[in-house]
Amino acid sequence: MGKKGKKLKVLFISRDRKLFSALARNAFTEQQKFFSLQQLSKFDPGYFQRKADLVILDYPRLDETRVSLIKELCRRHKEKGFIVLSEQPPVERVADLFKSGVDDLLAKPVEPDKLERVVQQVAQKKGWVSHPIKTILTSIGNRLRARRQELKFSLLSLSRRTGLSVSLLSQIERARSSASLASLYKICRALDLSMATLFAEL
C-alpha cells in the first residue's frame, strides 16, 4: 500500500496510449492508483498536488527543453517521486537529471513488471511504504522488547542469560540487525517465549 495506508497515486504523463494501457492493466491494479495525462502542457500545479505522489514522465527524446522542465518540477516538488522513461537518453543529460532529483531513469521499451519494481523501490526510498523484511524485523524486535520489559530484564541481564552481546540484543530489538535462528532461539529460551509465538502472523 502507499502513503498512510492509502494507494500510491501514480501520475503517468505520456502520449503512448498502448504503454499506459499495459501498465494500468498489468502493473498498477493492486497497490497504485493510476492517472494519465497525454502531455505536460495540460498539467496544472493544483492537479499535480491532488493526483500525484509519484510522476512517470515518458519522453521519447530528452531535449534541453524537456530536461529543464523536469529539473524545475523536481526543484518545486521535492517531496514527490520522479521516474523518467526515454529512448537512448544522452549520458550527460541522465547525469544532470539524477543530480536534480530524478529517482530513476529507464530506457524504453520497458516491461510493465520492471517499471512496477522501480515504483516500489522509489516508494520505499521515500518512506511511503515499508520494506516487507524491515516490517518483519521490526515486529520481531518489538515482541522481544515487550517480553523482556514484562519480565523486567535489562539488556545486560538478557545478555548474561543468552551469551549474546548487549549491542547485538539492542540492534535486534530496534530492527537494526537480523538475528540468526540460533540467536533468536537463545533469546526466546531466556524469555520463556516460544518461537511460534514470536513468528505468529508475520
Protein backbone atom coordinates (compact mmCIF):
# COMPACT_ATOMS: atom_id res chain seq x y z
CA MET A 1 0.00 0.00 0.00
CA GLY A 2 1.04 3.60 -0.39
CA LYS A 3 1.23 6.62 1.86
CA LYS A 4 -0.52 6.26 5.22
CA GLY A 5 -2.17 3.00 4.15
CA LYS A 6 -3.69 4.52 1.00
CA LYS A 7 -2.92 3.57 -2.55
CA LEU A 8 0.10 5.28 -4.00
CA LYS A 9 -1.02 7.87 -6.55
CA VAL A 10 0.95 7.48 -9.76
CA LEU A 11 0.64 10.10 -12.50
CA PHE A 12 1.72 8.84 -15.92
CA ILE A 13 2.44 11.58 -18.46
CA SER A 14 2.76 10.19 -21.95
CA ARG A 15 1.24 10.14 -25.42
CA ASP A 16 1.80 6.39 -25.60
CA ARG A 17 -1.70 5.03 -25.04
CA LYS A 18 -0.61 1.42 -25.54
CA LEU A 19 2.05 1.66 -22.85
CA PHE A 20 -0.39 3.31 -20.45
CA SER A 21 -2.98 0.57 -21.06
CA ALA A 22 -0.40 -2.18 -20.50
CA LEU A 23 0.89 -0.60 -17.29
CA ALA A 24 -2.55 0.12 -15.88
CA ARG A 25 -3.74 -3.41 -16.67
CA ASN A 26 -0.67 -5.39 -15.62
CA ALA A 27 1.32 -3.41 -13.10
CA PHE A 28 -0.74 -0.93 -11.15
CA THR A 29 -4.05 -2.60 -10.39
CA GLU A 30 -3.36 -3.62 -6.77
CA GLN A 31 -1.21 -1.13 -4.90
CA GLN A 32 -1.31 2.01 -7.02
CA LYS A 33 -3.98 4.36 -8.22
CA PHE A 34 -3.14 5.28 -11.78
CA PHE A 35 -3.83 8.57 -13.57
CA SER A 36 -2.89 9.64 -17.08
CA LEU A 37 -2.20 12.84 -18.99
CA GLN A 38 -1.19 12.87 -22.64
CA GLN A 39 1.10 15.84 -22.33
CA LEU A 40 2.61 18.02 -19.65
CA SER A 41 1.12 21.20 -21.12
CA LYS A 42 -2.28 20.11 -19.77
CA PHE A 43 -0.88 19.72 -16.33
CA ASP A 44 -1.52 22.35 -13.62
CA PRO A 45 0.06 22.57 -10.13
CA GLY A 46 -3.25 22.01 -8.35
CA TYR A 47 -3.87 18.82 -10.28
CA PHE A 48 -0.31 17.76 -9.52
CA GLN A 49 -0.80 18.23 -5.77
CA ARG A 50 -4.10 16.31 -5.75
CA LYS A 51 -3.25 13.49 -8.09
CA ALA A 52 0.40 12.60 -7.68
CA ASP A 53 2.75 11.07 -5.15
CA LEU A 54 4.96 9.79 -7.93
CA VAL A 55 5.21 11.03 -11.53
CA ILE A 56 6.29 8.93 -14.52
CA LEU A 57 7.39 11.16 -17.40
CA ASP A 58 7.57 9.40 -20.76
CA TYR A 59 9.64 11.37 -23.27
CA PRO A 60 10.95 9.58 -26.38
CA ARG A 61 13.70 12.20 -26.64
CA LEU A 62 15.22 14.20 -23.82
CA ASP A 63 15.98 17.53 -25.44
CA GLU A 64 17.23 20.53 -23.50
CA THR A 65 13.75 21.99 -23.03
CA ARG A 66 12.35 18.79 -21.53
CA VAL A 67 15.34 18.30 -19.26
CA SER A 68 14.90 21.86 -17.96
CA LEU A 69 11.20 21.22 -17.34
CA ILE A 70 11.88 18.01 -15.41
CA LYS A 71 14.56 19.74 -13.33
CA GLU A 72 12.13 22.53 -12.48
CA LEU A 73 9.46 20.03 -11.41
CA CYS A 74 11.98 18.26 -9.16
CA ARG A 75 13.03 21.57 -7.64
CA ARG A 76 9.47 22.68 -6.92
CA HIS A 77 8.17 19.33 -5.68
CA LYS A 78 10.98 17.67 -3.74
CA GLU A 79 8.50 15.55 -1.80
CA LYS A 80 7.34 13.83 -5.00
CA GLY A 81 8.93 10.88 -6.74
CA PHE A 82 10.03 11.14 -10.37
CA ILE A 83 10.73 8.37 -12.89
CA VAL A 84 11.68 9.24 -16.45
CA LEU A 85 11.25 6.95 -19.47
CA SER A 86 13.18 7.74 -22.64
CA GLU A 87 14.70 6.19 -25.74
CA GLN A 88 18.50 6.23 -25.71
CA PRO A 89 18.90 9.23 -23.37
CA PRO A 90 22.23 11.09 -23.67
CA VAL A 91 24.60 10.22 -20.83
CA GLU A 92 25.27 13.84 -19.86
CA ARG A 93 21.54 14.56 -19.54
CA VAL A 94 20.97 11.42 -17.49
CA ALA A 95 23.61 12.54 -15.00
CA ASP A 96 22.09 16.02 -14.91
CA LEU A 97 18.62 14.64 -14.14
CA PHE A 98 19.85 12.42 -11.31
CA LYS A 99 21.63 15.38 -9.73
CA SER A 100 18.38 17.35 -9.95
CA GLY A 101 16.37 14.77 -8.00
CA VAL A 102 15.01 12.28 -10.53
CA ASP A 103 14.72 8.95 -8.71
CA ASP A 104 15.24 6.69 -11.72
CA LEU A 105 15.53 6.78 -15.49
CA LEU A 106 14.63 3.79 -17.65
CA ALA A 107 15.38 3.25 -21.31
CA LYS A 108 12.40 2.34 -23.47
CA PRO A 109 10.98 -0.10 -24.30
CA VAL A 110 10.33 -1.04 -20.67
CA GLU A 111 8.33 -4.01 -19.40
CA PRO A 112 5.43 -3.19 -17.04
CA ASP A 113 6.72 -5.52 -14.31
CA LYS A 114 10.15 -3.85 -14.37
CA LEU A 115 8.57 -0.43 -14.00
CA GLU A 116 6.41 -1.74 -11.15
CA ARG A 117 9.54 -2.88 -9.30
CA VAL A 118 11.15 0.53 -9.78
CA VAL A 119 8.00 2.25 -8.48
CA GLN A 120 8.12 0.08 -5.36
CA GLN A 121 11.82 0.85 -4.85
CA VAL A 122 11.19 4.60 -5.12
CA ALA A 123 8.22 4.33 -2.73
CA GLN A 124 10.40 2.51 -0.19
CA LYS A 125 13.22 5.04 -0.57
CA LYS A 126 10.78 7.90 0.00
CA GLY A 127 9.39 6.16 3.10
CA TRP A 128 5.89 5.80 1.65
CA VAL A 129 5.86 2.04 2.11
CA SER A 130 7.80 -0.29 4.37
CA HIS A 131 10.05 -2.98 3.01
CA PRO A 132 8.47 -6.36 3.94
CA ILE A 133 11.67 -7.67 5.55
CA LYS A 134 12.08 -4.48 7.56
CA THR A 135 8.47 -4.82 8.74
CA ILE A 136 9.09 -8.38 9.93
CA LEU A 137 12.30 -7.43 11.75
CA THR A 138 10.52 -4.54 13.44
CA SER A 139 7.70 -6.82 14.63
CA ILE A 140 10.17 -9.38 16.00
CA GLY A 141 12.17 -6.67 17.78
CA ASN A 142 9.03 -5.15 19.31
CA ARG A 143 7.82 -8.52 20.60
CA LEU A 144 11.19 -9.37 22.14
CA ARG A 145 11.45 -5.96 23.82
CA ALA A 146 7.89 -6.16 25.16
CA ARG A 147 8.53 -9.60 26.64
CA ARG A 148 11.87 -8.54 28.14
CA GLN A 149 10.28 -5.50 29.76
CA GLU A 150 7.37 -7.61 31.00
CA LEU A 151 9.91 -9.81 32.81
CA LYS A 152 11.76 -6.69 34.00
CA PHE A 153 15.02 -7.89 32.43
CA SER A 154 17.64 -5.33 31.46
CA LEU A 155 19.61 -5.82 28.26
CA LEU A 156 22.61 -6.68 30.42
CA SER A 157 20.62 -9.31 32.28
CA LEU A 158 19.40 -10.81 28.99
CA SER A 159 22.94 -10.73 27.65
CA ARG A 160 24.13 -12.84 30.59
CA ARG A 161 21.30 -15.33 30.07
CA THR A 162 21.89 -15.73 26.32
CA GLY A 163 25.62 -15.21 25.88
CA LEU A 164 24.84 -12.55 23.25
CA SER A 165 26.28 -9.06 23.48
CA VAL A 166 24.21 -6.12 24.75
CA SER A 167 24.93 -4.34 21.48
CA LEU A 168 23.55 -7.19 19.36
CA LEU A 169 20.44 -7.55 21.54
CA SER A 170 19.78 -3.82 21.25
CA GLN A 171 20.19 -3.94 17.47
CA ILE A 172 17.77 -6.86 17.20
CA GLU A 173 15.15 -5.06 19.28
CA ARG A 174 15.49 -1.91 17.14
CA ALA A 175 15.43 -3.89 13.86
CA ARG A 176 18.93 -2.70 13.05
CA SER A 177 20.22 -6.24 12.70
CA SER A 178 18.69 -9.52 11.55
CA ALA A 179 19.29 -12.26 14.10
CA SER A 180 20.18 -15.83 13.22
CA LEU A 181 17.71 -18.54 14.19
CA ALA A 182 20.23 -19.76 16.75
CA SER A 183 20.33 -16.31 18.39
CA LEU A 184 16.54 -15.99 18.34
CA TYR A 185 16.25 -19.43 19.94
CA LYS A 186 18.59 -18.36 22.77
CA ILE A 187 16.65 -15.15 23.34
CA CYS A 188 13.27 -16.90 23.30
CA ARG A 189 14.52 -19.55 25.71
CA ALA A 190 15.80 -16.87 28.10
CA LEU A 191 12.48 -15.01 27.87
CA ASP A 192 10.36 -18.18 28.18
CA LEU A 193 8.81 -17.31 24.83
CA SER A 194 8.03 -19.87 22.14
CA MET A 195 9.38 -19.40 18.63
CA ALA A 196 5.84 -20.00 17.36
CA THR A 197 4.58 -17.01 19.37
CA LEU A 198 7.46 -14.85 18.16
CA PHE A 199 6.69 -15.56 14.49
CA ALA A 200 2.89 -15.70 14.77
CA GLU A 201 1.07 -13.82 11.96
CA LEU A 202 4.24 -12.28 10.50
